[in-house]
N, C-alpha and C. Protein backbone atom coordinates (compact mmCIF):
# COMPACT_ATOMS: atom_id res chain seq x y z
N MET A 1 11.03 0.05 8.52
CA MET A 1 10.23 -0.96 7.85
C MET A 1 11.17 -2.03 7.29
N ASN A 2 10.71 -3.23 7.38
CA ASN A 2 11.45 -4.35 6.81
C ASN A 2 11.40 -4.24 5.29
N ASN A 3 12.56 -4.22 4.64
CA ASN A 3 12.60 -4.05 3.19
C ASN A 3 12.50 -5.34 2.40
N THR A 4 12.31 -6.45 3.07
CA THR A 4 12.15 -7.72 2.37
C THR A 4 10.76 -8.27 2.67
N ILE A 5 10.30 -9.08 1.80
CA ILE A 5 8.99 -9.68 1.98
C ILE A 5 9.09 -11.17 1.66
N ASN A 6 8.53 -11.99 2.52
CA ASN A 6 8.59 -13.44 2.32
C ASN A 6 7.26 -14.00 1.89
N LYS A 7 6.38 -13.17 1.40
CA LYS A 7 5.06 -13.59 0.98
C LYS A 7 4.92 -13.29 -0.50
N PRO A 8 4.01 -13.99 -1.16
CA PRO A 8 3.80 -13.69 -2.58
C PRO A 8 3.24 -12.29 -2.76
N ILE A 9 3.37 -11.76 -3.95
CA ILE A 9 2.81 -10.46 -4.27
C ILE A 9 1.29 -10.57 -4.15
N PRO A 10 0.65 -9.66 -3.40
CA PRO A 10 -0.79 -9.77 -3.20
C PRO A 10 -1.56 -9.57 -4.51
N ILE A 11 -2.72 -10.22 -4.58
CA ILE A 11 -3.53 -10.10 -5.79
C ILE A 11 -4.78 -9.25 -5.56
N ASN A 12 -5.00 -8.83 -4.31
CA ASN A 12 -6.14 -7.94 -4.03
C ASN A 12 -5.82 -7.08 -2.81
N ASN A 13 -6.65 -6.07 -2.59
CA ASN A 13 -6.40 -5.15 -1.48
C ASN A 13 -6.43 -5.86 -0.14
N ARG A 14 -7.33 -6.80 0.02
CA ARG A 14 -7.44 -7.52 1.30
C ARG A 14 -6.11 -8.19 1.67
N GLN A 15 -5.52 -8.89 0.70
CA GLN A 15 -4.21 -9.53 0.95
C GLN A 15 -3.14 -8.47 1.24
N ALA A 16 -3.14 -7.41 0.46
CA ALA A 16 -2.12 -6.36 0.64
C ALA A 16 -2.25 -5.69 2.00
N PHE A 17 -3.48 -5.37 2.40
CA PHE A 17 -3.69 -4.74 3.71
C PHE A 17 -3.21 -5.66 4.83
N LYS A 18 -3.52 -6.96 4.71
CA LYS A 18 -3.09 -7.92 5.74
C LYS A 18 -1.57 -7.97 5.85
N ILE A 19 -0.90 -8.01 4.72
CA ILE A 19 0.57 -8.05 4.73
C ILE A 19 1.12 -6.80 5.40
N LEU A 20 0.62 -5.64 5.01
CA LEU A 20 1.14 -4.39 5.59
C LEU A 20 0.79 -4.29 7.07
N ASP A 21 -0.42 -4.69 7.45
CA ASP A 21 -0.80 -4.65 8.87
C ASP A 21 0.13 -5.49 9.72
N GLU A 22 0.57 -6.63 9.19
CA GLU A 22 1.48 -7.51 9.93
C GLU A 22 2.92 -7.02 9.86
N MET A 23 3.29 -6.38 8.77
CA MET A 23 4.68 -5.98 8.53
C MET A 23 5.05 -4.68 9.24
N LEU A 24 4.13 -3.72 9.27
CA LEU A 24 4.45 -2.41 9.83
C LEU A 24 4.41 -2.45 11.35
N PRO A 25 5.41 -1.89 12.00
CA PRO A 25 5.38 -1.82 13.46
C PRO A 25 4.20 -0.97 13.95
N ALA A 26 3.68 -1.29 15.12
CA ALA A 26 2.53 -0.58 15.68
C ALA A 26 2.77 0.92 15.75
N GLU A 27 3.99 1.32 16.08
CA GLU A 27 4.28 2.76 16.19
C GLU A 27 4.23 3.44 14.82
N GLU A 28 4.55 2.72 13.76
CA GLU A 28 4.46 3.29 12.43
C GLU A 28 2.99 3.44 12.02
N ILE A 29 2.18 2.48 12.36
CA ILE A 29 0.75 2.58 12.07
C ILE A 29 0.14 3.74 12.86
N GLN A 30 0.54 3.90 14.12
CA GLN A 30 0.04 5.04 14.91
C GLN A 30 0.48 6.37 14.29
N SER A 31 1.69 6.41 13.78
CA SER A 31 2.18 7.62 13.11
C SER A 31 1.33 7.94 11.89
N ILE A 32 0.99 6.91 11.11
CA ILE A 32 0.13 7.09 9.94
C ILE A 32 -1.22 7.66 10.37
N LEU A 33 -1.80 7.08 11.41
CA LEU A 33 -3.13 7.48 11.86
C LEU A 33 -3.15 8.89 12.44
N SER A 34 -2.00 9.39 12.85
CA SER A 34 -1.94 10.75 13.41
C SER A 34 -1.90 11.83 12.33
N LYS A 35 -1.78 11.41 11.08
CA LYS A 35 -1.66 12.36 9.96
C LYS A 35 -2.97 12.46 9.19
N SER A 36 -3.11 13.57 8.48
CA SER A 36 -4.20 13.67 7.52
C SER A 36 -3.84 12.78 6.33
N LYS A 37 -4.81 12.47 5.49
CA LYS A 37 -4.54 11.65 4.32
C LYS A 37 -3.51 12.34 3.42
N GLY A 38 -3.65 13.63 3.22
CA GLY A 38 -2.72 14.37 2.38
C GLY A 38 -1.29 14.33 2.91
N GLU A 39 -1.14 14.50 4.22
CA GLU A 39 0.20 14.42 4.82
C GLU A 39 0.80 13.04 4.64
N PHE A 40 -0.02 12.02 4.87
CA PHE A 40 0.44 10.65 4.71
C PHE A 40 0.91 10.39 3.29
N LEU A 41 0.10 10.80 2.31
CA LEU A 41 0.46 10.55 0.91
C LEU A 41 1.75 11.28 0.53
N THR A 42 1.90 12.50 0.99
CA THR A 42 3.13 13.26 0.70
C THR A 42 4.33 12.63 1.39
N ASP A 43 4.17 12.32 2.66
CA ASP A 43 5.29 11.77 3.45
C ASP A 43 5.73 10.40 2.96
N GLU A 44 4.80 9.60 2.47
CA GLU A 44 5.12 8.21 2.15
C GLU A 44 5.36 7.92 0.67
N HIS A 45 5.34 8.94 -0.18
CA HIS A 45 5.59 8.69 -1.59
C HIS A 45 6.94 7.99 -1.79
N PHE A 46 7.97 8.46 -1.08
CA PHE A 46 9.29 7.84 -1.20
C PHE A 46 9.60 6.91 -0.03
N GLY A 47 8.62 6.61 0.79
CA GLY A 47 8.77 5.66 1.88
C GLY A 47 8.02 4.38 1.54
N LEU A 48 6.85 4.24 2.13
CA LEU A 48 6.03 3.07 1.88
C LEU A 48 5.64 2.97 0.41
N GLY A 49 5.38 4.10 -0.22
CA GLY A 49 5.04 4.08 -1.65
C GLY A 49 6.15 3.50 -2.49
N GLN A 50 7.39 3.88 -2.20
CA GLN A 50 8.55 3.34 -2.93
C GLN A 50 8.69 1.85 -2.67
N TRP A 51 8.46 1.44 -1.42
CA TRP A 51 8.54 0.02 -1.08
C TRP A 51 7.51 -0.77 -1.90
N ILE A 52 6.30 -0.24 -1.98
CA ILE A 52 5.24 -0.90 -2.76
C ILE A 52 5.64 -0.99 -4.23
N ARG A 53 6.16 0.10 -4.77
CA ARG A 53 6.59 0.07 -6.18
C ARG A 53 7.68 -0.98 -6.39
N ASN A 54 8.67 -1.01 -5.53
CA ASN A 54 9.79 -1.94 -5.69
C ASN A 54 9.39 -3.39 -5.48
N ASN A 55 8.56 -3.65 -4.48
CA ASN A 55 8.26 -5.03 -4.07
C ASN A 55 6.99 -5.60 -4.68
N TRP A 56 6.07 -4.76 -5.07
CA TRP A 56 4.80 -5.27 -5.58
C TRP A 56 4.51 -4.88 -7.02
N ILE A 57 5.01 -3.75 -7.46
CA ILE A 57 4.72 -3.34 -8.84
C ILE A 57 5.84 -3.78 -9.77
N TYR A 58 7.05 -3.30 -9.53
CA TYR A 58 8.17 -3.65 -10.42
C TYR A 58 8.54 -5.13 -10.30
N ALA A 59 8.34 -5.74 -9.13
CA ALA A 59 8.72 -7.14 -8.92
C ALA A 59 7.72 -8.12 -9.53
N ASP A 60 6.56 -7.65 -9.94
CA ASP A 60 5.53 -8.53 -10.48
C ASP A 60 5.79 -8.79 -11.97
N LYS A 61 6.77 -9.61 -12.23
CA LYS A 61 7.19 -9.89 -13.61
C LYS A 61 6.12 -10.62 -14.42
N GLU A 62 5.25 -11.37 -13.73
CA GLU A 62 4.22 -12.13 -14.43
C GLU A 62 2.96 -11.31 -14.66
N GLY A 63 2.87 -10.14 -14.06
CA GLY A 63 1.70 -9.30 -14.24
C GLY A 63 0.42 -9.88 -13.69
N LYS A 64 0.52 -10.56 -12.55
CA LYS A 64 -0.65 -11.20 -11.95
C LYS A 64 -1.01 -10.63 -10.59
N GLY A 65 -0.23 -9.68 -10.11
CA GLY A 65 -0.44 -9.14 -8.77
C GLY A 65 -1.51 -8.06 -8.73
N LEU A 66 -1.64 -7.48 -7.58
CA LEU A 66 -2.62 -6.44 -7.29
C LEU A 66 -2.62 -5.32 -8.31
N PHE A 67 -1.47 -4.94 -8.79
CA PHE A 67 -1.38 -3.77 -9.66
C PHE A 67 -1.40 -4.11 -11.15
N ALA A 68 -1.65 -5.36 -11.49
CA ALA A 68 -1.72 -5.73 -12.90
C ALA A 68 -2.92 -5.06 -13.55
N TYR A 69 -3.99 -4.90 -12.81
CA TYR A 69 -5.19 -4.24 -13.34
C TYR A 69 -5.95 -3.66 -12.17
N ASP A 70 -6.23 -2.39 -12.22
CA ASP A 70 -6.98 -1.71 -11.17
C ASP A 70 -8.35 -1.36 -11.75
N SER A 71 -9.38 -2.09 -11.35
CA SER A 71 -10.71 -1.88 -11.93
C SER A 71 -11.26 -0.50 -11.62
N ASP A 72 -10.77 0.14 -10.55
CA ASP A 72 -11.21 1.50 -10.24
C ASP A 72 -10.61 2.52 -11.19
N HIS A 73 -9.47 2.19 -11.76
CA HIS A 73 -8.76 3.11 -12.64
C HIS A 73 -8.20 2.35 -13.85
N PRO A 74 -9.08 1.79 -14.68
CA PRO A 74 -8.58 1.00 -15.82
C PRO A 74 -7.71 1.83 -16.75
N GLY A 75 -6.69 1.20 -17.24
CA GLY A 75 -5.79 1.88 -18.17
C GLY A 75 -4.67 2.66 -17.51
N ILE A 76 -4.72 2.80 -16.18
CA ILE A 76 -3.67 3.54 -15.48
C ILE A 76 -2.55 2.57 -15.15
N ILE A 77 -1.38 2.78 -15.72
CA ILE A 77 -0.28 1.85 -15.48
C ILE A 77 0.93 2.52 -14.87
N ASP A 78 0.89 3.83 -14.64
CA ASP A 78 2.03 4.52 -14.05
C ASP A 78 2.23 4.04 -12.61
N PRO A 79 3.40 3.49 -12.30
CA PRO A 79 3.64 2.96 -10.95
C PRO A 79 3.48 3.99 -9.84
N ASP A 80 3.90 5.23 -10.07
CA ASP A 80 3.73 6.27 -9.04
C ASP A 80 2.25 6.48 -8.75
N TYR A 81 1.46 6.55 -9.80
CA TYR A 81 0.02 6.75 -9.63
C TYR A 81 -0.60 5.54 -8.95
N GLN A 82 -0.24 4.35 -9.38
CA GLN A 82 -0.79 3.12 -8.79
C GLN A 82 -0.49 3.05 -7.30
N SER A 83 0.75 3.32 -6.92
CA SER A 83 1.09 3.24 -5.50
C SER A 83 0.38 4.33 -4.71
N GLY A 84 0.19 5.51 -5.32
CA GLY A 84 -0.53 6.58 -4.64
C GLY A 84 -1.99 6.22 -4.39
N VAL A 85 -2.65 5.66 -5.39
CA VAL A 85 -4.04 5.22 -5.23
C VAL A 85 -4.12 4.15 -4.15
N PHE A 86 -3.17 3.21 -4.17
CA PHE A 86 -3.18 2.16 -3.14
C PHE A 86 -2.96 2.75 -1.75
N LEU A 87 -2.03 3.70 -1.62
CA LEU A 87 -1.79 4.31 -0.30
C LEU A 87 -3.06 4.99 0.23
N GLU A 88 -3.82 5.62 -0.64
CA GLU A 88 -5.10 6.21 -0.22
C GLU A 88 -6.02 5.13 0.34
N LYS A 89 -6.11 4.01 -0.36
CA LYS A 89 -6.97 2.91 0.08
C LYS A 89 -6.47 2.32 1.40
N TYR A 90 -5.15 2.21 1.55
CA TYR A 90 -4.60 1.67 2.79
C TYR A 90 -4.86 2.62 3.96
N TYR A 91 -4.71 3.90 3.73
CA TYR A 91 -5.01 4.89 4.77
C TYR A 91 -6.46 4.75 5.22
N ASP A 92 -7.38 4.66 4.26
CA ASP A 92 -8.80 4.50 4.60
C ASP A 92 -9.04 3.21 5.37
N HIS A 93 -8.35 2.14 4.99
CA HIS A 93 -8.44 0.86 5.70
C HIS A 93 -8.02 1.03 7.16
N LEU A 94 -6.91 1.70 7.39
CA LEU A 94 -6.43 1.89 8.77
C LEU A 94 -7.39 2.74 9.58
N LYS A 95 -7.96 3.78 8.96
CA LYS A 95 -8.92 4.63 9.65
C LYS A 95 -10.19 3.84 10.01
N ARG A 96 -10.66 2.99 9.09
CA ARG A 96 -11.83 2.14 9.38
C ARG A 96 -11.53 1.21 10.56
N LYS A 97 -10.35 0.60 10.57
CA LYS A 97 -9.97 -0.28 11.68
C LYS A 97 -9.94 0.49 12.99
N GLN A 98 -9.37 1.69 12.95
CA GLN A 98 -9.27 2.52 14.15
C GLN A 98 -10.67 2.87 14.68
N ASN A 99 -11.57 3.22 13.78
CA ASN A 99 -12.92 3.64 14.17
C ASN A 99 -13.80 2.48 14.62
N SER A 100 -13.42 1.26 14.27
CA SER A 100 -14.24 0.09 14.65
C SER A 100 -13.85 -0.45 16.03
N LYS A 101 -12.82 0.11 16.61
CA LYS A 101 -12.38 -0.36 17.94
C LYS A 101 -13.24 0.22 19.04
């Protein structure tokens, strides 16, 4: 995975999904889709999850990005938890895309 990002920090899931869909190689997306959600979450906590924490959570100094406030989980500010919840949503997004083909 490319460890740099040339786009602003996303402010919603739609923007974040688009960035990841464009950034991740097709073979990595296929690898994700071959796993159960639980396997994906475990495998990617220190992979894609760490990338999200470093590039979207910790890097959001102004507190205006996607993880500034999660309306599904108000009051949750732990970066590990935030990235885990997002990874679940991203997995579901990829499965929906796969099933719509």
